[in-house]
Each structure stands twice: as C-alpha cells, then as structure tokens.
C-alpha cells in the first residue's frame, strides 16, 4: 500500500506559475508517476507522466507549459506549471503505478485555481 500526499496548490493569476509536489509513503524507484487533474463537472484527465527511466509524456493541452520531474531518493514527483490559464483550474492528483504488481495508488488531490 502507498499513501500519496500532494501539496503546492493555490490561487494564482493567469500567466502565473506553480510547482506541485507529491510524496509517496514508499519507494517510487520502479514505478511510473503521473499527474492527473479534474475540473468541476469534468472527467479526470492525464496531465503528465514520468517513467522509471525518465521518459515523459504530456497531454496536448500542456503545450510546453508544464514540466514533470522526479527525485527517487525523496520518493517524490513534481509538476512545474508555467503560464497558467483559467482552463487549468482543477484538482490535481498524483498517481503511482507499479508495473510489476499492476497496483495503482492515488493521492487526495491539491486544488489549483487560476483566476484574476
């Protein structure tokens, strides 16, 4: 079992930046780590993923504005978000996928609000 804890969500003006952090209660060394988001009334969608070998995947709507990274020694994954838009307003969730067991873990989310 893994507990994931996100932090860093906040109210930010359009064009601003935020860095989200997620810490796992256990090792992430062999796992794919991802950020998802869910806006009010919408389905949860993938924002970005980073594999154990640092291969990254981004949703089209990121358009070079976001960057995902990981620090295995800290059991942590980060999402740096720049040039934020009102459409980025959502609860952002951390996800840990263990390919060797098939297990998936979710955090409780952190709220990002982009508004003037």
C-alpha atoms as a PDB file:
ATOM      1  CA  UNK A   1       0.000   0.000   0.000  1.00  0.00           C
ATOM      2  CA  UNK A   2       1.153   3.525  -0.734  1.00  0.00           C
ATOM      3  CA  UNK A   3      -0.043   6.851   0.621  1.00  0.00           C
ATOM      4  CA  UNK A   4       0.449   9.813  -1.697  1.00  0.00           C
ATOM      5  CA  UNK A   5       0.351  13.373  -0.454  1.00  0.00           C
ATOM      6  CA  UNK A   6       0.161  16.313  -2.822  1.00  0.00           C
ATOM      7  CA  UNK A   7       0.969  19.911  -1.982  1.00  0.00           C
ATOM      8  CA  UNK A   8       1.521  23.231  -3.690  1.00  0.00           C
ATOM      9  CA  UNK A   9      -1.943  24.015  -4.979  1.00  0.00           C
ATOM     10  CA  UNK A  10      -3.024  27.617  -4.648  1.00  0.00           C
ATOM     11  CA  UNK A  11      -4.842  30.558  -6.166  1.00  0.00           C
ATOM     12  CA  UNK A  12      -2.735  32.124  -8.917  1.00  0.00           C
ATOM     13  CA  UNK A  13      -3.334  34.797 -11.528  1.00  0.00           C
ATOM     14  CA  UNK A  14      -3.391  33.990 -15.244  1.00  0.00           C
ATOM     15  CA  UNK A  15       0.148  33.838 -16.562  1.00  0.00           C
ATOM     16  CA  UNK A  16       1.493  32.811 -13.174  1.00  0.00           C
ATOM     17  CA  UNK A  17       3.420  29.732 -12.095  1.00  0.00           C
ATOM     18  CA  UNK A  18       3.081  26.990  -9.512  1.00  0.00           C
ATOM     19  CA  UNK A  19       5.066  23.922  -8.549  1.00  0.00           C
ATOM     20  CA  UNK A  20       3.167  20.927  -7.256  1.00  0.00           C
ATOM     21  CA  UNK A  21       4.821  18.242  -5.155  1.00  0.00           C
ATOM     22  CA  UNK A  22       3.821  14.694  -4.341  1.00  0.00           C
ATOM     23  CA  UNK A  23       5.449  12.440  -1.782  1.00  0.00           C
ATOM     24  CA  UNK A  24       4.858   8.699  -1.629  1.00  0.00           C
ATOM     25  CA  UNK A  25       4.992   6.723   1.605  1.00  0.00           C
ATOM     26  CA  UNK A  26       7.145   4.145  -0.154  1.00  0.00           C
ATOM     27  CA  UNK A  27       9.704   3.818  -2.876  1.00  0.00           C
ATOM     28  CA  UNK A  28       8.872   5.068  -6.363  1.00  0.00           C
ATOM     29  CA  UNK A  29      12.064   3.713  -7.921  1.00  0.00           C
ATOM     30  CA  UNK A  30      10.421   1.224 -10.311  1.00  0.00           C
ATOM     31  CA  UNK A  31       7.097   2.975 -10.733  1.00  0.00           C
ATOM     32  CA  UNK A  32       5.564   5.324 -13.269  1.00  0.00           C
ATOM     33  CA  UNK A  33       4.465   8.540 -11.625  1.00  0.00           C
ATOM     34  CA  UNK A  34       1.785  10.757 -13.098  1.00  0.00           C
ATOM     35  CA  UNK A  35      -0.242  13.871 -12.518  1.00  0.00           C
ATOM     36  CA  UNK A  36      -3.921  13.944 -13.395  1.00  0.00           C
ATOM     37  CA  UNK A  37      -6.429  16.728 -12.996  1.00  0.00           C
ATOM     38  CA  UNK A  38     -10.176  17.013 -12.660  1.00  0.00           C
ATOM     39  CA  UNK A  39     -12.075  20.224 -13.253  1.00  0.00           C
ATOM     40  CA  UNK A  40     -15.593  20.730 -11.845  1.00  0.00           C
ATOM     41  CA  UNK A  41     -18.097  18.721 -13.853  1.00  0.00           C
ATOM     42  CA  UNK A  42     -15.368  17.116 -15.948  1.00  0.00           C
ATOM     43  CA  UNK A  43     -13.694  13.723 -16.039  1.00  0.00           C
ATOM     44  CA  UNK A  44     -10.262  13.176 -14.607  1.00  0.00           C
ATOM     45  CA  UNK A  45      -7.591  13.527 -17.296  1.00  0.00           C
ATOM     46  CA  UNK A  46      -3.899  12.801 -17.585  1.00  0.00           C
ATOM     47  CA  UNK A  47      -1.606  15.829 -17.409  1.00  0.00           C
ATOM     48  CA  UNK A  48       1.857  14.263 -17.456  1.00  0.00           C
ATOM     49  CA  UNK A  49       3.724  11.047 -16.689  1.00  0.00           C
ATOM     50  CA  UNK A  50       7.325  10.136 -15.999  1.00  0.00           C
ATOM     51  CA  UNK A  51       8.622   6.581 -16.228  1.00  0.00           C
ATOM     52  CA  UNK A  52      11.383   4.983 -14.128  1.00  0.00           C
ATOM     53  CA  UNK A  53      13.813   5.718 -16.978  1.00  0.00           C
ATOM     54  CA  UNK A  54      12.698   9.368 -17.065  1.00  0.00           C
ATOM     55  CA  UNK A  55      10.623   9.102 -20.221  1.00  0.00           C
ATOM     56  CA  UNK A  56       7.986  11.819 -20.056  1.00  0.00           C
ATOM     57  CA  UNK A  57       4.548  12.123 -21.608  1.00  0.00           C
ATOM     58  CA  UNK A  58       2.401  15.242 -21.684  1.00  0.00           C
ATOM     59  CA  UNK A  59      -1.184  15.989 -22.594  1.00  0.00           C
ATOM     60  CA  UNK A  60      -1.611  18.124 -25.680  1.00  0.00           C
ATOM     61  CA  UNK A  61      -3.123  20.952 -23.658  1.00  0.00           C
ATOM     62  CA  UNK A  62       0.149  21.364 -21.735  1.00  0.00           C
ATOM     63  CA  UNK A  63       1.754  22.859 -24.883  1.00  0.00           C
ATOM     64  CA  UNK A  64       5.218  23.116 -23.328  1.00  0.00           C
ATOM     65  CA  UNK A  65       3.995  24.999 -20.250  1.00  0.00           C
ATOM     66  CA  UNK A  66       4.369  22.181 -17.702  1.00  0.00           C
ATOM     67  CA  UNK A  67       7.323  20.033 -16.692  1.00  0.00           C
ATOM     68  CA  UNK A  68       7.229  16.792 -14.686  1.00  0.00           C
ATOM     69  CA  UNK A  69      10.217  15.554 -12.733  1.00  0.00           C
ATOM     70  CA  UNK A  70      11.039  13.022 -10.046  1.00  0.00           C
ATOM     71  CA  UNK A  71      13.529  12.502  -7.244  1.00  0.00           C
ATOM     72  CA  UNK A  72      13.573   8.827  -6.344  1.00  0.00           C
ATOM     73  CA  UNK A  73      15.671   9.369  -3.243  1.00  0.00           C
ATOM     74  CA  UNK A  74      12.861  11.563  -1.881  1.00  0.00           C
ATOM     75  CA  UNK A  75      10.044   9.328  -3.175  1.00  0.00           C
ATOM     76  CA  UNK A  76       8.764  12.469  -4.840  1.00  0.00           C
ATOM     77  CA  UNK A  77       7.381  13.708  -8.118  1.00  0.00           C
ATOM     78  CA  UNK A  78       6.893  17.317  -9.114  1.00  0.00           C
ATOM     79  CA  UNK A  79       4.873  19.275 -11.641  1.00  0.00           C
ATOM     80  CA  UNK A  80       6.122  22.713 -12.556  1.00  0.00           C
ATOM     81  CA  UNK A  81       3.418  24.753 -14.243  1.00  0.00           C
ATOM     82  CA  UNK A  82       4.054  27.998 -16.073  1.00  0.00           C
ATOM     83  CA  UNK A  83       1.886  30.456 -17.984  1.00  0.00           C
ATOM     84  CA  UNK A  84      -1.197  29.146 -16.221  1.00  0.00           C
ATOM     85  CA  UNK A  85      -4.591  29.731 -17.787  1.00  0.00           C
ATOM     86  CA  UNK A  86      -8.080  29.794 -16.236  1.00  0.00           C
ATOM     87  CA  UNK A  87      -8.707  26.486 -18.008  1.00  0.00           C
ATOM     88  CA  UNK A  88      -6.024  24.902 -15.820  1.00  0.00           C
ATOM     89  CA  UNK A  89      -8.247  25.323 -12.774  1.00  0.00           C
ATOM     90  CA  UNK A  90      -8.759  21.849 -11.308  1.00  0.00           C
ATOM     91  CA  UNK A  91      -7.899  19.484  -8.524  1.00  0.00           C
ATOM     92  CA  UNK A  92      -4.541  17.920  -9.383  1.00  0.00           C
ATOM     93  CA  UNK A  93      -3.946  14.330  -8.354  1.00  0.00           C
ATOM     94  CA  UNK A  94      -0.766  12.342  -8.013  1.00  0.00           C
ATOM     95  CA  UNK A  95      -0.761   8.760  -9.306  1.00  0.00           C
ATOM     96  CA  UNK A  96       1.689   5.926  -8.706  1.00  0.00           C
ATOM     97  CA  UNK A  97       1.599   2.870 -10.948  1.00  0.00           C
ATOM     98  CA  UNK A  98       3.541  -0.259 -10.030  1.00  0.00           C
ATOM     99  CA  UNK A  99       4.037  -2.161 -13.291  1.00  0.00           C
ATOM    100  CA  UNK A 100       5.282  -5.307 -11.528  1.00  0.00           C
ATOM    101  CA  UNK A 101       2.113  -5.653  -9.436  1.00  0.00           C
ATOM    102  CA  UNK A 102      -0.384  -3.672 -11.522  1.00  0.00           C
ATOM    103  CA  UNK A 103      -1.364  -1.700  -8.461  1.00  0.00           C
ATOM    104  CA  UNK A 104      -2.300   1.954  -8.761  1.00  0.00           C
ATOM    105  CA  UNK A 105      -2.390   4.492  -5.953  1.00  0.00           C
ATOM    106  CA  UNK A 106      -3.908   7.967  -5.831  1.00  0.00           C
ATOM    107  CA  UNK A 107      -3.437  10.977  -3.643  1.00  0.00           C
ATOM    108  CA  UNK A 108      -6.317  13.078  -2.374  1.00  0.00           C
ATOM    109  CA  UNK A 109      -5.504  15.996  -4.640  1.00  0.00           C
ATOM    110  CA  UNK A 110      -4.467  19.618  -4.388  1.00  0.00           C
ATOM    111  CA  UNK A 111      -6.574  22.478  -5.721  1.00  0.00           C
ATOM    112  CA  UNK A 112      -5.182  24.852  -8.338  1.00  0.00           C
ATOM    113  CA  UNK A 113      -7.285  27.909  -9.091  1.00  0.00           C
ATOM    114  CA  UNK A 114      -6.260  30.259 -11.894  1.00  0.00           C
ATOM    115  CA  UNK A 115      -8.186  33.486 -11.667  1.00  0.00           C
ATOM    116  CA  UNK A 116      -7.683  37.226 -11.646  1.00  0.00           C
END
